[in-house]
Amino acid sequence: MGVPPAPAATEPPGALPDGLRPGPVALLLLAAAAFLVLRSPRVLLEGRFWAEEGTVYFASALAGGPSALLRPHQGYLNLATNLATGAAALPFVPLEAAPRVTVLAALLVQLLPAFLLLTRRAAWLPSPAARLAAAGLVLLARPSDEVWLNSANAHFFLAVAAAVLLATRPGREGRWSEPALLAFAGLSGVTSALLAPLAWAAAARERTRRRLGAALLLTACALLQAAILLPALASGGRTARADAERAEVAGGGEEPRRRGQE
């Protein structure tokens, strides 16, 4: 009679260096936020909608209310943009202030990878200097203006955050934050869903429940995004164009279009 296999360990043995304490992390993130804003201060001070952020997502939030949070656009589900534009469309937010809401949401997302690098545990982050270097590398990398401080392209930064989660272990931020962030990233575009094979590789290497859960979660998000994307591709992109046209009509034509954009 065979011996049943032992259950997967919760974490492999071996202590890892802790992340920085909350006080220094808060100060560093404030400095990072100032750096991001100073690159183009008018974007935050005046606000802007970038491309479909205004013509599609914000218009859909104005017309659809809470149901717009789970509505796919452009052939995929982008929960981050739906949430940001949904907050901007709340009744107590003045229309002229709506672009600032989405810019602020994008700023928080862009700070997320740096926050994780400063707080998570990993053998390749053995010292505060290594953490500062890694966070600085992420912050100093200069992406194109198309992905800078707009919620429509926040999924690229969420993918970086998801990659950091897969390469590290929980720190002081708590264990439940990892599945929540992975689910949020996976439901905010197809970019993070492409990390599912890496999650399975990590699960095979470490054989822990946490890694297995991450792999299953990203796979579920990838399957959901594929179920939305493949029919849109099969229709030759007509779904995305029809979405934009319906959103513009429902939102009042030109009124939501890139208000405040430079």
C-alpha atoms as a PDB file:
ATOM      1  CA  MET A   1       0.000   0.000   0.000  1.00  0.00           C
ATOM      2  CA  GLY A   2       1.492   3.279  -1.094  1.00  0.00           C
ATOM      3  CA  VAL A   3       2.181   6.148   1.241  1.00  0.00           C
ATOM      4  CA  PRO A   4       0.003   9.189   0.438  1.00  0.00           C
ATOM      5  CA  PRO A   5       1.955  12.254  -0.690  1.00  0.00           C
ATOM      6  CA  ALA A   6       2.604  14.935   1.892  1.00  0.00           C
ATOM      7  CA  PRO A   7       0.527  18.103   1.535  1.00  0.00           C
ATOM      8  CA  ALA A   8       2.159  21.092  -0.045  1.00  0.00           C
ATOM      9  CA  ALA A   9       4.072  23.255   2.362  1.00  0.00           C
ATOM     10  CA  THR A  10       2.746  26.688   3.110  1.00  0.00           C
ATOM     11  CA  GLU A  11       6.183  28.258   2.526  1.00  0.00           C
ATOM     12  CA  PRO A  12       9.642  26.797   1.927  1.00  0.00           C
ATOM     13  CA  PRO A  13      11.974  27.017   4.901  1.00  0.00           C
ATOM     14  CA  GLY A  14      14.521  29.760   5.264  1.00  0.00           C
ATOM     15  CA  ALA A  15      14.261  33.312   6.505  1.00  0.00           C
ATOM     16  CA  LEU A  16      14.205  36.127   3.983  1.00  0.00           C
ATOM     17  CA  PRO A  17      15.104  39.760   4.637  1.00  0.00           C
ATOM     18  CA  ASP A  18      12.130  41.887   5.612  1.00  0.00           C
ATOM     19  CA  GLY A  19      11.049  44.946   3.711  1.00  0.00           C
ATOM     20  CA  LEU A  20      11.453  48.507   4.890  1.00  0.00           C
ATOM     21  CA  ARG A  21       9.397  49.838   7.783  1.00  0.00           C
ATOM     22  CA  PRO A  22       6.181  51.803   7.089  1.00  0.00           C
ATOM     23  CA  GLY A  23       7.680  55.201   7.962  1.00  0.00           C
ATOM     24  CA  PRO A  24      10.545  55.155   5.450  1.00  0.00           C
ATOM     25  CA  VAL A  25       8.284  53.538   2.842  1.00  0.00           C
ATOM     26  CA  ALA A  26       5.756  56.382   3.165  1.00  0.00           C
ATOM     27  CA  LEU A  27       8.472  59.034   2.800  1.00  0.00           C
ATOM     28  CA  LEU A  28       9.999  57.294  -0.202  1.00  0.00           C
ATOM     29  CA  LEU A  29       6.621  56.940  -1.911  1.00  0.00           C
ATOM     30  CA  LEU A  30       5.881  60.635  -1.360  1.00  0.00           C
ATOM     31  CA  ALA A  31       9.220  61.491  -2.984  1.00  0.00           C
ATOM     32  CA  ALA A  32       8.447  59.080  -5.837  1.00  0.00           C
ATOM     33  CA  ALA A  33       5.014  60.636  -6.348  1.00  0.00           C
ATOM     34  CA  ALA A  34       6.602  64.100  -6.509  1.00  0.00           C
ATOM     35  CA  PHE A  35       9.068  62.830  -9.110  1.00  0.00           C
ATOM     36  CA  LEU A  36       6.293  61.342 -11.258  1.00  0.00           C
ATOM     37  CA  VAL A  37       4.213  64.513 -11.070  1.00  0.00           C
ATOM     38  CA  LEU A  38       7.130  66.872 -11.764  1.00  0.00           C
ATOM     39  CA  ARG A  39       7.774  65.134 -15.053  1.00  0.00           C
ATOM     40  CA  SER A  40       4.552  66.713 -16.324  1.00  0.00           C
ATOM     41  CA  PRO A  41       2.834  68.717 -13.563  1.00  0.00           C
ATOM     42  CA  ARG A  42       0.094  70.069 -15.847  1.00  0.00           C
ATOM     43  CA  VAL A  43      -1.292  66.559 -16.281  1.00  0.00           C
ATOM     44  CA  LEU A  44      -2.217  66.386 -12.594  1.00  0.00           C
ATOM     45  CA  LEU A  45      -2.997  70.076 -12.040  1.00  0.00           C
ATOM     46  CA  GLU A  46      -5.273  70.436 -15.066  1.00  0.00           C
ATOM     47  CA  GLY A  47      -6.216  66.800 -15.593  1.00  0.00           C
ATOM     48  CA  ARG A  48      -6.629  64.984 -18.879  1.00  0.00           C
ATOM     49  CA  PHE A  49      -8.419  62.085 -20.478  1.00  0.00           C
ATOM     50  CA  TRP A  50      -6.212  60.075 -22.805  1.00  0.00           C
ATOM     51  CA  ALA A  51      -7.845  58.706 -25.983  1.00  0.00           C
ATOM     52  CA  GLU A  52     -10.510  56.091 -25.146  1.00  0.00           C
ATOM     53  CA  GLU A  53     -10.224  56.914 -21.439  1.00  0.00           C
ATOM     54  CA  GLY A  54     -12.674  59.752 -22.094  1.00  0.00           C
ATOM     55  CA  THR A  55     -14.502  58.795 -25.271  1.00  0.00           C
ATOM     56  CA  VAL A  56     -15.233  55.213 -24.235  1.00  0.00           C
ATOM     57  CA  TYR A  57     -14.669  54.478 -20.551  1.00  0.00           C
ATOM     58  CA  PHE A  58     -15.804  57.753 -18.967  1.00  0.00           C
ATOM     59  CA  ALA A  59     -18.734  58.049 -21.343  1.00  0.00           C
ATOM     60  CA  SER A  60     -19.757  54.487 -20.502  1.00  0.00           C
ATOM     61  CA  ALA A  61     -19.486  55.230 -16.764  1.00  0.00           C
ATOM     62  CA  LEU A  62     -21.738  58.287 -17.166  1.00  0.00           C
ATOM     63  CA  ALA A  63     -24.322  56.322 -19.106  1.00  0.00           C
ATOM     64  CA  GLY A  64     -24.134  52.928 -17.412  1.00  0.00           C
ATOM     65  CA  GLY A  65     -23.620  53.650 -13.733  1.00  0.00           C
ATOM     66  CA  PRO A  66     -22.423  50.744 -11.538  1.00  0.00           C
ATOM     67  CA  SER A  67     -23.024  48.202 -14.303  1.00  0.00           C
ATOM     68  CA  ALA A  68     -20.214  49.837 -16.311  1.00  0.00           C
ATOM     69  CA  LEU A  69     -17.617  48.539 -13.825  1.00  0.00           C
ATOM     70  CA  LEU A  70     -17.666  45.070 -15.387  1.00  0.00           C
ATOM     71  CA  ARG A  71     -18.251  46.107 -18.993  1.00  0.00           C
ATOM     72  CA  PRO A  72     -15.526  45.092 -21.479  1.00  0.00           C
ATOM     73  CA  HIS A  73     -14.197  47.664 -23.944  1.00  0.00           C
ATOM     74  CA  GLN A  74     -11.747  47.420 -26.820  1.00  0.00           C
ATOM     75  CA  GLY A  75     -12.117  43.630 -26.733  1.00  0.00           C
ATOM     76  CA  TYR A  76     -11.075  43.011 -23.112  1.00  0.00           C
ATOM     77  CA  LEU A  77     -12.016  43.779 -19.525  1.00  0.00           C
ATOM     78  CA  ASN A  78     -10.059  46.633 -17.934  1.00  0.00           C
ATOM     79  CA  LEU A  79     -11.254  46.797 -14.350  1.00  0.00           C
ATOM     80  CA  ALA A  80      -8.695  49.444 -13.351  1.00  0.00           C
ATOM     81  CA  THR A  81      -9.931  51.927 -15.959  1.00  0.00           C
ATOM     82  CA  ASN A  82     -13.566  51.084 -15.257  1.00  0.00           C
ATOM     83  CA  LEU A  83     -13.027  51.809 -11.554  1.00  0.00           C
ATOM     84  CA  ALA A  84     -11.097  55.035 -12.177  1.00  0.00           C
ATOM     85  CA  THR A  85     -13.622  56.448 -14.633  1.00  0.00           C
ATOM     86  CA  GLY A  86     -16.479  55.176 -12.488  1.00  0.00           C
ATOM     87  CA  ALA A  87     -15.101  57.207  -9.580  1.00  0.00           C
ATOM     88  CA  ALA A  88     -14.706  60.213 -11.884  1.00  0.00           C
ATOM     89  CA  ALA A  89     -18.347  59.872 -12.957  1.00  0.00           C
ATOM     90  CA  LEU A  90     -19.764  59.926  -9.415  1.00  0.00           C
ATOM     91  CA  PRO A  91     -22.489  62.571  -9.000  1.00  0.00           C
ATOM     92  CA  PHE A  92     -20.537  64.680  -6.493  1.00  0.00           C
ATOM     93  CA  VAL A  93     -17.475  64.970  -8.765  1.00  0.00           C
ATOM     94  CA  PRO A  94     -17.652  68.097 -10.955  1.00  0.00           C
ATOM     95  CA  LEU A  95     -17.242  67.344 -14.643  1.00  0.00           C
ATOM     96  CA  GLU A  96     -14.189  69.584 -14.924  1.00  0.00           C
ATOM     97  CA  ALA A  97     -12.528  67.673 -12.044  1.00  0.00           C
ATOM     98  CA  ALA A  98     -13.200  64.218 -13.518  1.00  0.00           C
ATOM     99  CA  PRO A  99      -9.890  63.974 -15.458  1.00  0.00           C
ATOM    100  CA  ARG A 100      -7.946  64.720 -12.275  1.00  0.00           C
ATOM    101  CA  VAL A 101      -9.594  61.731 -10.601  1.00  0.00           C
ATOM    102  CA  THR A 102      -8.390  59.335 -13.285  1.00  0.00           C
ATOM    103  CA  VAL A 103      -4.892  60.882 -13.289  1.00  0.00           C
ATOM    104  CA  LEU A 104      -4.690  60.437  -9.507  1.00  0.00           C
ATOM    105  CA  ALA A 105      -5.800  56.804  -9.843  1.00  0.00           C
ATOM    106  CA  ALA A 106      -3.122  56.240 -12.490  1.00  0.00           C
ATOM    107  CA  LEU A 107      -0.515  57.825 -10.206  1.00  0.00           C
ATOM    108  CA  LEU A 108      -1.360  55.366  -7.410  1.00  0.00           C
ATOM    109  CA  VAL A 109      -1.042  52.438  -9.828  1.00  0.00           C
ATOM    110  CA  GLN A 110       2.346  53.653 -11.074  1.00  0.00           C
ATOM    111  CA  LEU A 111       3.603  53.764  -7.471  1.00  0.00           C
ATOM    112  CA  LEU A 112       2.470  50.197  -6.795  1.00  0.00           C
ATOM    113  CA  PRO A 113       5.528  48.335  -8.211  1.00  0.00           C
ATOM    114  CA  ALA A 114       7.866  50.541  -6.156  1.00  0.00           C
ATOM    115  CA  PHE A 115       5.792  49.935  -3.016  1.00  0.00           C
ATOM    116  CA  LEU A 116       6.017  46.175  -3.503  1.00  0.00           C
ATOM    117  CA  LEU A 117       9.766  46.274  -4.088  1.00  0.00           C
ATOM    118  CA  LEU A 118      10.214  48.241  -0.874  1.00  0.00           C
ATOM    119  CA  THR A 119       8.021  46.006   1.289  1.00  0.00           C
ATOM    120  CA  ARG A 120       8.043  42.428  -0.056  1.00  0.00           C
ATOM    121  CA  ARG A 121      10.533  39.706   0.937  1.00  0.00           C
ATOM    122  CA  ALA A 122      13.003  38.179  -1.519  1.00  0.00           C
ATOM    123  CA  ALA A 123      16.519  36.790  -1.532  1.00  0.00           C
ATOM    124  CA  TRP A 124      17.404  39.119  -4.413  1.00  0.00           C
ATOM    125  CA  LEU A 125      16.444  42.133  -2.248  1.00  0.00           C
ATOM    126  CA  PRO A 126      18.901  41.533   0.608  1.00  0.00           C
ATOM    127  CA  SER A 127      19.366  45.123   1.787  1.00  0.00           C
ATOM    128  CA  PRO A 128      17.675  48.547   1.824  1.00  0.00           C
ATOM    129  CA  ALA A 129      20.145  49.675  -0.847  1.00  0.00           C
ATOM    130  CA  ALA A 130      19.057  46.844  -3.146  1.00  0.00           C
ATOM    131  CA  ARG A 131      15.409  47.743  -2.595  1.00  0.00           C
ATOM    132  CA  LEU A 132      16.042  51.409  -3.324  1.00  0.00           C
ATOM    133  CA  ALA A 133      17.918  50.492  -6.497  1.00  0.00           C
ATOM    134  CA  ALA A 134      15.127  48.209  -7.707  1.00  0.00           C
ATOM    135  CA  ALA A 135      12.409  50.750  -6.934  1.00  0.00           C
ATOM    136  CA  GLY A 136      14.445  53.518  -8.540  1.00  0.00           C
ATOM    137  CA  LEU A 137      14.931  51.458 -11.688  1.00  0.00           C
ATOM    138  CA  VAL A 138      11.163  51.043 -12.021  1.00  0.00           C
ATOM    139  CA  LEU A 139      10.474  54.720 -11.351  1.00  0.00           C
ATOM    140  CA  LEU A 140      13.259  56.128 -13.528  1.00  0.00           C
ATOM    141  CA  ALA A 141      12.386  54.009 -16.562  1.00  0.00           C
ATOM    142  CA  ARG A 142      10.856  56.433 -19.022  1.00  0.00           C
ATOM    143  CA  PRO A 143       7.776  54.981 -20.729  1.00  0.00           C
ATOM    144  CA  SER A 144       6.106  56.731 -23.617  1.00  0.00           C
ATOM    145  CA  ASP A 145       3.602  59.498 -22.961  1.00  0.00           C
ATOM    146  CA  GLU A 146       0.868  57.103 -24.052  1.00  0.00           C
ATOM    147  CA  VAL A 147       1.142  55.128 -20.810  1.00  0.00           C
ATOM    148  CA  TRP A 148       2.083  58.013 -18.509  1.00  0.00           C
ATOM    149  CA  LEU A 149      -0.454  58.932 -15.809  1.00  0.00           C
ATOM    150  CA  ASN A 150      -3.610  57.684 -17.501  1.00  0.00           C
ATOM    151  CA  SER A 151      -5.827  54.891 -16.276  1.00  0.00           C
ATOM    152  CA  ALA A 152      -6.450  53.498 -19.765  1.00  0.00           C
ATOM    153  CA  ASN A 153      -2.899  52.137 -19.823  1.00  0.00           C
ATOM    154  CA  ALA A 154      -2.505  51.429 -16.103  1.00  0.00           C
ATOM    155  CA  HIS A 155      -2.607  47.703 -16.919  1.00  0.00           C
ATOM    156  CA  PHE A 156       1.043  47.865 -18.019  1.00  0.00           C
ATOM    157  CA  PHE A 157       2.117  48.989 -14.542  1.00  0.00           C
ATOM    158  CA  LEU A 158      -0.193  46.424 -12.961  1.00  0.00           C
ATOM    159  CA  ALA A 159       1.611  43.757 -14.994  1.00  0.00           C
ATOM    160  CA  VAL A 160       4.935  44.945 -13.542  1.00  0.00           C
ATOM    161  CA  ALA A 161       3.386  44.784 -10.065  1.00  0.00           C
ATOM    162  CA  ALA A 162       2.111  41.254 -10.742  1.00  0.00           C
ATOM    163  CA  ALA A 163       5.586  40.185 -11.876  1.00  0.00           C
ATOM    164  CA  VAL A 164       7.047  41.545  -8.622  1.00  0.00           C
ATOM    165  CA  LEU A 165       4.445  39.571  -6.662  1.00  0.00           C
ATOM    166  CA  LEU A 166       5.462  36.376  -8.461  1.00  0.00           C
ATOM    167  CA  ALA A 167       9.146  37.006  -7.744  1.00  0.00           C
ATOM    168  CA  THR A 168       8.761  37.822  -4.034  1.00  0.00           C
ATOM    169  CA  ARG A 169       6.963  36.679  -0.888  1.00  0.00           C
ATOM    170  CA  PRO A 170       4.554  38.583   1.367  1.00  0.00           C
ATOM    171  CA  GLY A 171       5.957  41.224   3.660  1.00  0.00           C
ATOM    172  CA  ARG A 172       4.229  43.514   6.125  1.00  0.00           C
ATOM    173  CA  GLU A 173       1.377  44.270   3.715  1.00  0.00           C
ATOM    174  CA  GLY A 174      -0.336  40.956   4.569  1.00  0.00           C
ATOM    175  CA  ARG A 175      -0.897  37.674   2.749  1.00  0.00           C
ATOM    176  CA  TRP A 176      -4.366  38.456   1.412  1.00  0.00           C
ATOM    177  CA  SER A 177      -3.096  41.478  -0.492  1.00  0.00           C
ATOM    178  CA  GLU A 178      -1.297  39.197  -2.977  1.00  0.00           C
ATOM    179  CA  PRO A 179      -4.338  37.333  -4.386  1.00  0.00           C
ATOM    180  CA  ALA A 180      -6.337  40.574  -4.357  1.00  0.00           C
ATOM    181  CA  LEU A 181      -3.680  42.422  -6.381  1.00  0.00           C
ATOM    182  CA  LEU A 182      -3.160  39.505  -8.771  1.00  0.00           C
ATOM    183  CA  ALA A 183      -6.899  39.299  -9.432  1.00  0.00           C
ATOM    184  CA  PHE A 184      -7.095  43.062  -9.938  1.00  0.00           C
ATOM    185  CA  ALA A 185      -4.176  42.974 -12.386  1.00  0.00           C
ATOM    186  CA  GLY A 186      -5.544  39.949 -14.250  1.00  0.00           C
ATOM    187  CA  LEU A 187      -8.946  41.595 -14.661  1.00  0.00           C
ATOM    188  CA  SER A 188      -7.391  44.851 -15.890  1.00  0.00           C
ATOM    189  CA  GLY A 189      -6.266  43.826 -19.346  1.00  0.00           C
ATOM    190  CA  VAL A 190      -4.522  40.900 -20.988  1.00  0.00           C
ATOM    191  CA  THR A 191      -0.958  41.921 -20.073  1.00  0.00           C
ATOM    192  CA  SER A 192      -0.954  40.435 -16.564  1.00  0.00           C
ATOM    193  CA  ALA A 193      -2.784  37.335 -17.771  1.00  0.00           C
ATOM    194  CA  LEU A 194       0.261  36.551 -19.937  1.00  0.00           C
ATOM    195  CA  LEU A 195       2.205  35.967 -16.704  1.00  0.00           C
ATOM    196  CA  ALA A 196       0.233  32.774 -15.969  1.00  0.00           C
ATOM    197  CA  PRO A 197       2.999  30.462 -17.340  1.00  0.00           C
ATOM    198  CA  LEU A 198       5.516  32.147 -15.023  1.00  0.00           C
ATOM    199  CA  ALA A 199       3.139  31.619 -12.118  1.00  0.00           C
ATOM    200  CA  TRP A 200       2.925  27.909 -12.948  1.00  0.00           C
ATOM    201  CA  ALA A 201       6.724  27.717 -13.145  1.00  0.00           C
ATOM    202  CA  ALA A 202       6.988  29.280  -9.691  1.00  0.00           C
ATOM    203  CA  ALA A 203       4.349  26.854  -8.374  1.00  0.00           C
ATOM    204  CA  ALA A 204       6.271  23.863  -9.765  1.00  0.00           C
ATOM    205  CA  ARG A 205       9.514  25.117  -8.276  1.00  0.00           C
ATOM    206  CA  GLU A 206       8.310  26.005  -4.761  1.00  0.00           C
ATOM    207  CA  ARG A 207       5.317  23.641  -4.403  1.00  0.00           C
ATOM    208  CA  THR A 208       3.431  25.899  -1.987  1.00  0.00           C
ATOM    209  CA  ARG A 209      -0.277  26.587  -1.684  1.00  0.00           C
ATOM    210  CA  ARG A 210       0.341  30.289  -2.188  1.00  0.00           C
ATOM    211  CA  ARG A 211       2.146  29.771  -5.495  1.00  0.00           C
ATOM    212  CA  LEU A 212      -0.480  27.281  -6.668  1.00  0.00           C
ATOM    213  CA  GLY A 213      -3.237  29.725  -5.795  1.00  0.00           C
ATOM    214  CA  ALA A 214      -1.487  32.503  -7.738  1.00  0.00           C
ATOM    215  CA  ALA A 215      -1.129  30.262 -10.798  1.00  0.00           C
ATOM    216  CA  LEU A 216      -4.785  29.216 -10.688  1.00  0.00           C
ATOM    217  CA  LEU A 217      -5.910  32.816 -10.192  1.00  0.00           C
ATOM    218  CA  LEU A 218      -3.944  34.198 -13.140  1.00  0.00           C
ATOM    219  CA  THR A 219      -5.066  31.271 -15.312  1.00  0.00           C
ATOM    220  CA  ALA A 220      -8.706  31.982 -14.493  1.00  0.00           C
ATOM    221  CA  CYS A 221      -8.188  35.648 -15.392  1.00  0.00           C
ATOM    222  CA  ALA A 222      -6.444  34.655 -18.632  1.00  0.00           C
ATOM    223  CA  LEU A 223      -9.331  32.364 -19.630  1.00  0.00           C
ATOM    224  CA  LEU A 224     -11.860  35.109 -18.887  1.00  0.00           C
ATOM    225  CA  GLN A 225      -9.939  37.659 -20.948  1.00  0.00           C
ATOM    226  CA  ALA A 226      -9.584  35.141 -23.781  1.00  0.00           C
ATOM    227  CA  ALA A 227     -13.343  34.506 -23.722  1.00  0.00           C
ATOM    228  CA  ILE A 228     -13.853  38.247 -24.257  1.00  0.00           C
ATOM    229  CA  LEU A 229     -10.972  38.891 -26.650  1.00  0.00           C
ATOM    230  CA  LEU A 230     -11.300  36.022 -29.118  1.00  0.00           C
ATOM    231  CA  PRO A 231     -14.869  36.855 -30.251  1.00  0.00           C
ATOM    232  CA  ALA A 232     -13.810  40.489 -30.667  1.00  0.00           C
ATOM    233  CA  LEU A 233     -10.871  39.458 -32.854  1.00  0.00           C
ATOM    234  CA  ALA A 234     -13.094  37.125 -34.852  1.00  0.00           C
ATOM    235  CA  SER A 235     -15.419  40.033 -35.603  1.00  0.00           C
ATOM    236  CA  GLY A 236     -12.546  41.985 -37.153  1.00  0.00           C
ATOM    237  CA  GLY A 237     -12.474  44.657 -34.465  1.00  0.00           C
ATOM    238  CA  ARG A 238     -16.044  45.782 -35.130  1.00  0.00           C
ATOM    239  CA  THR A 239     -16.964  45.145 -31.494  1.00  0.00           C
ATOM    240  CA  ALA A 240     -14.500  47.724 -30.216  1.00  0.00           C
ATOM    241  CA  ARG A 241     -15.613  50.372 -32.729  1.00  0.00           C
ATOM    242  CA  ALA A 242     -19.284  49.747 -31.992  1.00  0.00           C
ATOM    243  CA  ASP A 243     -18.544  50.013 -28.267  1.00  0.00           C
ATOM    244  CA  ALA A 244     -16.904  53.402 -28.746  1.00  0.00           C
ATOM    245  CA  GLU A 245     -19.728  54.732 -30.909  1.00  0.00           C
ATOM    246  CA  ARG A 246     -22.432  53.619 -28.467  1.00  0.00           C
ATOM    247  CA  ALA A 247     -20.506  55.093 -25.546  1.00  0.00           C
ATOM    248  CA  GLU A 248     -20.075  58.448 -27.278  1.00  0.00           C
ATOM    249  CA  VAL A 249     -23.777  58.669 -28.134  1.00  0.00           C
ATOM    250  CA  ALA A 250     -24.830  57.640 -24.634  1.00  0.00           C
ATOM    251  CA  GLY A 251     -22.431  60.124 -23.068  1.00  0.00           C
ATOM    252  CA  GLY A 252     -23.600  63.084 -25.080  1.00  0.00           C
ATOM    253  CA  GLY A 253     -21.288  63.137 -28.061  1.00  0.00           C
ATOM    254  CA  GLU A 254     -18.347  65.479 -27.661  1.00  0.00           C
ATOM    255  CA  GLU A 255     -18.841  66.416 -23.995  1.00  0.00           C
ATOM    256  CA  PRO A 256     -16.800  63.593 -22.466  1.00  0.00           C
ATOM    257  CA  ARG A 257     -14.097  63.673 -25.121  1.00  0.00           C
ATOM    258  CA  ARG A 258     -10.618  64.162 -23.616  1.00  0.00           C
ATOM    259  CA  ARG A 259     -11.739  66.944 -21.303  1.00  0.00           C
ATOM    260  CA  GLY A 260      -8.688  68.710 -19.966  1.00  0.00           C
ATOM    261  CA  GLN A 261      -6.242  66.871 -22.234  1.00  0.00           C
ATOM    262  CA  GLU A 262      -3.153  68.759 -23.182  1.00  0.00           C
END
